[in-house]
């Protein structure tokens, strides 16, 4: 995922891609957590890159 991928709920940078039978949804970390339980029930695949947030925080602090 890149910085151009945006959350379908709020427009923030997306870190989670949820593949559904009907297509895909992109979510920021906040909205992915908020909807995680429901998404796990319907997703065929969930690609989660939220760990990158912690990597970026460590880089910014240097």
PDB file of N, CA and C in Angstrom:
ATOM      1  N   UNK A   1       0.849  -1.177   0.000  1.00  0.00           N
ATOM      2  CA  UNK A   1       0.000   0.000   0.000  1.00  0.00           C
ATOM      3  C   UNK A   1       0.893   1.238   0.000  1.00  0.00           C
ATOM      4  N   UNK A   2       0.373   2.329  -0.560  1.00  0.00           N
ATOM      5  CA  UNK A   2       1.157   3.556  -0.644  1.00  0.00           C
ATOM      6  C   UNK A   2       0.415   4.705   0.045  1.00  0.00           C
ATOM      7  N   UNK A   3       1.064   5.831   0.134  1.00  0.00           N
ATOM      8  CA  UNK A   3       0.454   7.018   0.730  1.00  0.00           C
ATOM      9  C   UNK A   3      -0.738   7.510  -0.092  1.00  0.00           C
ATOM     10  N   UNK A   4      -0.849   7.064  -1.327  1.00  0.00           N
ATOM     11  CA  UNK A   4      -1.980   7.462  -2.173  1.00  0.00           C
ATOM     12  C   UNK A   4      -3.248   6.673  -1.855  1.00  0.00           C
ATOM     13  N   UNK A   5      -3.106   5.537  -1.169  1.00  0.00           N
ATOM     14  CA  UNK A   5      -4.276   4.740  -0.775  1.00  0.00           C
ATOM     15  C   UNK A   5      -4.963   5.426   0.392  1.00  0.00           C
ATOM     16  N   UNK A   6      -6.256   5.704   0.240  1.00  0.00           N
ATOM     17  CA  UNK A   6      -6.993   6.481   1.240  1.00  0.00           C
ATOM     18  C   UNK A   6      -8.112   5.650   1.857  1.00  0.00           C
ATOM     19  N   UNK A   7      -8.398   5.922   3.111  1.00  0.00           N
ATOM     20  CA  UNK A   7      -9.465   5.255   3.851  1.00  0.00           C
ATOM     21  C   UNK A   7     -10.814   5.583   3.217  1.00  0.00           C
ATOM     22  N   UNK A   8     -11.604   4.553   2.973  1.00  0.00           N
ATOM     23  CA  UNK A   8     -12.937   4.761   2.395  1.00  0.00           C
ATOM     24  C   UNK A   8     -13.896   5.422   3.382  1.00  0.00           C
ATOM     25  N   UNK A   9     -13.578   5.395   4.663  1.00  0.00           N
ATOM     26  CA  UNK A   9     -14.461   5.985   5.667  1.00  0.00           C
ATOM     27  C   UNK A   9     -14.170   7.463   5.915  1.00  0.00           C
ATOM     28  N   UNK A  10     -12.874   7.848   5.889  1.00  0.00           N
ATOM     29  CA  UNK A  10     -12.569   9.232   6.278  1.00  0.00           C
ATOM     30  C   UNK A  10     -11.552   9.943   5.389  1.00  0.00           C
ATOM     31  N   UNK A  11     -10.900   9.220   4.495  1.00  0.00           N
ATOM     32  CA  UNK A  11      -9.935   9.852   3.601  1.00  0.00           C
ATOM     33  C   UNK A  11      -8.519   9.902   4.122  1.00  0.00           C
ATOM     34  N   UNK A  12      -8.264   9.426   5.340  1.00  0.00           N
ATOM     35  CA  UNK A  12      -6.897   9.379   5.874  1.00  0.00           C
ATOM     36  C   UNK A  12      -6.111   8.299   5.130  1.00  0.00           C
ATOM     37  N   UNK A  13      -4.799   8.264   5.342  1.00  0.00           N
ATOM     38  CA  UNK A  13      -3.995   7.241   4.688  1.00  0.00           C
ATOM     39  C   UNK A  13      -4.465   5.852   5.123  1.00  0.00           C
ATOM     40  N   UNK A  14      -4.633   4.970   4.150  1.00  0.00           N
ATOM     41  CA  UNK A  14      -5.097   3.611   4.433  1.00  0.00           C
ATOM     42  C   UNK A  14      -3.915   2.707   4.766  1.00  0.00           C
ATOM     43  N   UNK A  15      -4.105   1.872   5.752  1.00  0.00           N
ATOM     44  CA  UNK A  15      -3.112   0.883   6.146  1.00  0.00           C
ATOM     45  C   UNK A  15      -3.687  -0.530   6.138  1.00  0.00           C
ATOM     46  N   UNK A  16      -4.977  -0.662   5.883  1.00  0.00           N
ATOM     47  CA  UNK A  16      -5.625  -1.972   5.869  1.00  0.00           C
ATOM     48  C   UNK A  16      -6.471  -2.097   4.598  1.00  0.00           C
ATOM     49  N   UNK A  17      -6.222  -3.193   3.857  1.00  0.00           N
ATOM     50  CA  UNK A  17      -7.013  -3.493   2.657  1.00  0.00           C
ATOM     51  C   UNK A  17      -7.853  -4.720   2.983  1.00  0.00           C
ATOM     52  N   UNK A  18      -9.156  -4.599   2.825  1.00  0.00           N
ATOM     53  CA  UNK A  18     -10.077  -5.696   3.100  1.00  0.00           C
ATOM     54  C   UNK A  18     -10.662  -6.163   1.774  1.00  0.00           C
ATOM     55  N   UNK A  19     -10.383  -7.415   1.430  1.00  0.00           N
ATOM     56  CA  UNK A  19     -10.908  -7.985   0.193  1.00  0.00           C
ATOM     57  C   UNK A  19     -12.225  -8.676   0.506  1.00  0.00           C
ATOM     58  N   UNK A  20     -13.247  -8.307  -0.247  1.00  0.00           N
ATOM     59  CA  UNK A  20     -14.572  -8.907  -0.125  1.00  0.00           C
ATOM     60  C   UNK A  20     -14.878  -9.635  -1.432  1.00  0.00           C
ATOM     61  N   UNK A  21     -15.886 -10.470  -1.437  1.00  0.00           N
ATOM     62  CA  UNK A  21     -16.271 -11.126  -2.690  1.00  0.00           C
ATOM     63  C   UNK A  21     -16.703 -10.104  -3.730  1.00  0.00           C
ATOM     64  N   UNK A  22     -17.233  -8.971  -3.290  1.00  0.00           N
ATOM     65  CA  UNK A  22     -17.757  -7.955  -4.199  1.00  0.00           C
ATOM     66  C   UNK A  22     -16.765  -6.838  -4.526  1.00  0.00           C
ATOM     67  N   UNK A  23     -15.556  -6.878  -3.966  1.00  0.00           N
ATOM     68  CA  UNK A  23     -14.574  -5.828  -4.205  1.00  0.00           C
ATOM     69  C   UNK A  23     -13.673  -5.655  -3.006  1.00  0.00           C
ATOM     70  N   UNK A  24     -13.145  -4.445  -2.841  1.00  0.00           N
ATOM     71  CA  UNK A  24     -12.255  -4.202  -1.714  1.00  0.00           C
ATOM     72  C   UNK A  24     -12.592  -2.888  -1.028  1.00  0.00           C
ATOM     73  N   UNK A  25     -12.206  -2.813   0.233  1.00  0.00           N
ATOM     74  CA  UNK A  25     -12.328  -1.596   1.021  1.00  0.00           C
ATOM     75  C   UNK A  25     -10.978  -1.274   1.613  1.00  0.00           C
ATOM     76  N   UNK A  26     -10.687   0.012   1.744  1.00  0.00           N
ATOM     77  CA  UNK A  26      -9.454   0.470   2.370  1.00  0.00           C
ATOM     78  C   UNK A  26      -9.811   1.226   3.638  1.00  0.00           C
ATOM     79  N   UNK A  27      -9.014   1.010   4.697  1.00  0.00           N
ATOM     80  CA  UNK A  27      -9.282   1.666   5.968  1.00  0.00           C
ATOM     81  C   UNK A  27      -8.001   2.185   6.599  1.00  0.00           C
ATOM     82  N   UNK A  28      -8.118   3.307   7.290  1.00  0.00           N
ATOM     83  CA  UNK A  28      -7.051   3.771   8.159  1.00  0.00           C
ATOM     84  C   UNK A  28      -7.030   2.830   9.369  1.00  0.00           C
ATOM     85  N   UNK A  29      -6.019   2.941  10.207  1.00  0.00           N
ATOM     86  CA  UNK A  29      -5.906   2.059  11.371  1.00  0.00           C
ATOM     87  C   UNK A  29      -7.115   2.217  12.296  1.00  0.00           C
ATOM     88  N   UNK A  30      -7.567   3.448  12.497  1.00  0.00           N
ATOM     89  CA  UNK A  30      -8.694   3.715  13.392  1.00  0.00           C
ATOM     90  C   UNK A  30      -9.959   3.001  12.921  1.00  0.00           C
ATOM     91  N   UNK A  31     -10.327   3.187  11.667  1.00  0.00           N
ATOM     92  CA  UNK A  31     -11.562   2.590  11.167  1.00  0.00           C
ATOM     93  C   UNK A  31     -11.438   1.074  11.000  1.00  0.00           C
ATOM     94  N   UNK A  32     -10.240   0.580  10.722  1.00  0.00           N
ATOM     95  CA  UNK A  32     -10.047  -0.874  10.657  1.00  0.00           C
ATOM     96  C   UNK A  32     -10.302  -1.495  12.027  1.00  0.00           C
ATOM     97  N   UNK A  33      -9.791  -0.863  13.083  1.00  0.00           N
ATOM     98  CA  UNK A  33     -10.042  -1.372  14.445  1.00  0.00           C
ATOM     99  C   UNK A  33     -11.520  -1.252  14.798  1.00  0.00           C
ATOM    100  N   UNK A  34     -12.113  -0.124  14.448  1.00  0.00           N
ATOM    101  CA  UNK A  34     -13.512   0.121  14.786  1.00  0.00           C
ATOM    102  C   UNK A  34     -14.438  -0.939  14.174  1.00  0.00           C
ATOM    103  N   UNK A  35     -14.137  -1.381  12.955  1.00  0.00           N
ATOM    104  CA  UNK A  35     -15.009  -2.302  12.233  1.00  0.00           C
ATOM    105  C   UNK A  35     -14.436  -3.719  12.136  1.00  0.00           C
ATOM    106  N   UNK A  36     -13.377  -4.009  12.869  1.00  0.00           N
ATOM    107  CA  UNK A  36     -12.662  -5.285  12.736  1.00  0.00           C
ATOM    108  C   UNK A  36     -13.567  -6.498  12.901  1.00  0.00           C
ATOM    109  N   UNK A  37     -14.395  -6.506  13.912  1.00  0.00           N
ATOM    110  CA  UNK A  37     -15.238  -7.681  14.175  1.00  0.00           C
ATOM    111  C   UNK A  37     -16.165  -7.980  13.001  1.00  0.00           C
ATOM    112  N   UNK A  38     -16.807  -6.957  12.480  1.00  0.00           N
ATOM    113  CA  UNK A  38     -17.721  -7.145  11.347  1.00  0.00           C
ATOM    114  C   UNK A  38     -16.960  -7.522  10.078  1.00  0.00           C
ATOM    115  N   UNK A  39     -15.808  -6.906   9.860  1.00  0.00           N
ATOM    116  CA  UNK A  39     -15.035  -7.181   8.648  1.00  0.00           C
ATOM    117  C   UNK A  39     -14.513  -8.608   8.632  1.00  0.00           C
ATOM    118  N   UNK A  40     -14.088  -9.122   9.775  1.00  0.00           N
ATOM    119  CA  UNK A  40     -13.569 -10.489   9.842  1.00  0.00           C
ATOM    120  C   UNK A  40     -14.624 -11.510   9.436  1.00  0.00           C
ATOM    121  N   UNK A  41     -15.883 -11.183   9.626  1.00  0.00           N
ATOM    122  CA  UNK A  41     -16.974 -12.103   9.280  1.00  0.00           C
ATOM    123  C   UNK A  41     -17.230 -12.180   7.779  1.00  0.00           C
ATOM    124  N   UNK A  42     -16.916 -11.119   7.035  1.00  0.00           N
ATOM    125  CA  UNK A  42     -17.268 -11.072   5.616  1.00  0.00           C
ATOM    126  C   UNK A  42     -16.062 -11.014   4.676  1.00  0.00           C
ATOM    127  N   UNK A  43     -14.883 -10.775   5.191  1.00  0.00           N
ATOM    128  CA  UNK A  43     -13.696 -10.606   4.348  1.00  0.00           C
ATOM    129  C   UNK A  43     -13.185 -11.944   3.830  1.00  0.00           C
ATOM    130  N   UNK A  44     -12.698 -11.942   2.597  1.00  0.00           N
ATOM    131  CA  UNK A  44     -12.000 -13.108   2.075  1.00  0.00           C
ATOM    132  C   UNK A  44     -10.512 -12.999   2.369  1.00  0.00           C
ATOM    133  N   UNK A  45     -10.023 -11.763   2.594  1.00  0.00           N
ATOM    134  CA  UNK A  45      -8.623 -11.525   2.951  1.00  0.00           C
ATOM    135  C   UNK A  45      -8.516 -10.145   3.593  1.00  0.00           C
ATOM    136  N   UNK A  46      -7.644 -10.031   4.591  1.00  0.00           N
ATOM    137  CA  UNK A  46      -7.365  -8.738   5.217  1.00  0.00           C
ATOM    138  C   UNK A  46      -5.858  -8.546   5.206  1.00  0.00           C
ATOM    139  N   UNK A  47      -5.426  -7.495   4.545  1.00  0.00           N
ATOM    140  CA  UNK A  47      -4.002  -7.152   4.462  1.00  0.00           C
ATOM    141  C   UNK A  47      -3.776  -5.955   5.379  1.00  0.00           C
ATOM    142  N   UNK A  48      -3.078  -6.171   6.481  1.00  0.00           N
ATOM    143  CA  UNK A  48      -2.918  -5.160   7.521  1.00  0.00           C
ATOM    144  C   UNK A  48      -1.474  -4.677   7.589  1.00  0.00           C
ATOM    145  N   UNK A  49      -1.266  -3.399   7.300  1.00  0.00           N
ATOM    146  CA  UNK A  49       0.064  -2.792   7.374  1.00  0.00           C
ATOM    147  C   UNK A  49       0.146  -1.761   8.495  1.00  0.00           C
ATOM    148  N   UNK A  50      -0.690  -1.879   9.524  1.00  0.00           N
ATOM    149  CA  UNK A  50      -0.684  -0.894  10.607  1.00  0.00           C
ATOM    150  C   UNK A  50       0.632  -0.892  11.387  1.00  0.00           C
ATOM    151  N   UNK A  51       1.402  -1.958  11.322  1.00  0.00           N
ATOM    152  CA  UNK A  51       2.709  -1.985  11.993  1.00  0.00           C
ATOM    153  C   UNK A  51       3.630  -0.896  11.430  1.00  0.00           C
ATOM    154  N   UNK A  52       3.394  -0.494  10.187  1.00  0.00           N
ATOM    155  CA  UNK A  52       4.187   0.585   9.581  1.00  0.00           C
ATOM    156  C   UNK A  52       4.043   1.894  10.344  1.00  0.00           C
ATOM    157  N   UNK A  53       2.930   2.082  11.023  1.00  0.00           N
ATOM    158  CA  UNK A  53       2.733   3.307  11.798  1.00  0.00           C
ATOM    159  C   UNK A  53       3.804   3.441  12.872  1.00  0.00           C
ATOM    160  N   UNK A  54       4.139   2.346  13.519  1.00  0.00           N
ATOM    161  CA  UNK A  54       5.154   2.366  14.571  1.00  0.00           C
ATOM    162  C   UNK A  54       6.543   2.550  13.985  1.00  0.00           C
ATOM    163  N   UNK A  55       6.788   1.981  12.809  1.00  0.00           N
ATOM    164  CA  UNK A  55       8.056   2.174  12.124  1.00  0.00           C
ATOM    165  C   UNK A  55       8.236   3.644  11.765  1.00  0.00           C
ATOM    166  N   UNK A  56       7.178   4.280  11.244  1.00  0.00           N
ATOM    167  CA  UNK A  56       7.239   5.674  10.836  1.00  0.00           C
ATOM    168  C   UNK A  56       7.429   6.583  12.033  1.00  0.00           C
ATOM    169  N   UNK A  57       6.800   6.250  13.165  1.00  0.00           N
ATOM    170  CA  UNK A  57       6.974   7.060  14.378  1.00  0.00           C
ATOM    171  C   UNK A  57       8.434   7.007  14.816  1.00  0.00           C
ATOM    172  N   UNK A  58       9.063   5.836  14.757  1.00  0.00           N
ATOM    173  CA  UNK A  58      10.466   5.698  15.140  1.00  0.00           C
ATOM    174  C   UNK A  58      11.385   6.476  14.222  1.00  0.00           C
ATOM    175  N   UNK A  59      11.058   6.521  12.955  1.00  0.00           N
ATOM    176  CA  UNK A  59      11.860   7.264  11.978  1.00  0.00           C
ATOM    177  C   UNK A  59      11.701   8.768  12.211  1.00  0.00           C
ATOM    178  N   UNK A  60      10.496   9.216  12.509  1.00  0.00           N
ATOM    179  CA  UNK A  60      10.250  10.646  12.703  1.00  0.00           C
ATOM    180  C   UNK A  60      10.932  11.179  13.958  1.00  0.00           C
ATOM    181  N   UNK A  61      11.147  10.323  14.947  1.00  0.00           N
ATOM    182  CA  UNK A  61      11.726  10.767  16.200  1.00  0.00           C
ATOM    183  C   UNK A  61      13.233  10.972  16.094  1.00  0.00           C
ATOM    184  N   UNK A  62      13.848  10.451  15.060  1.00  0.00           N
ATOM    185  CA  UNK A  62      15.305  10.562  14.923  1.00  0.00           C
ATOM    186  C   UNK A  62      15.747  11.906  14.468  1.00  0.00           C
TER     187      UNK A  62
END
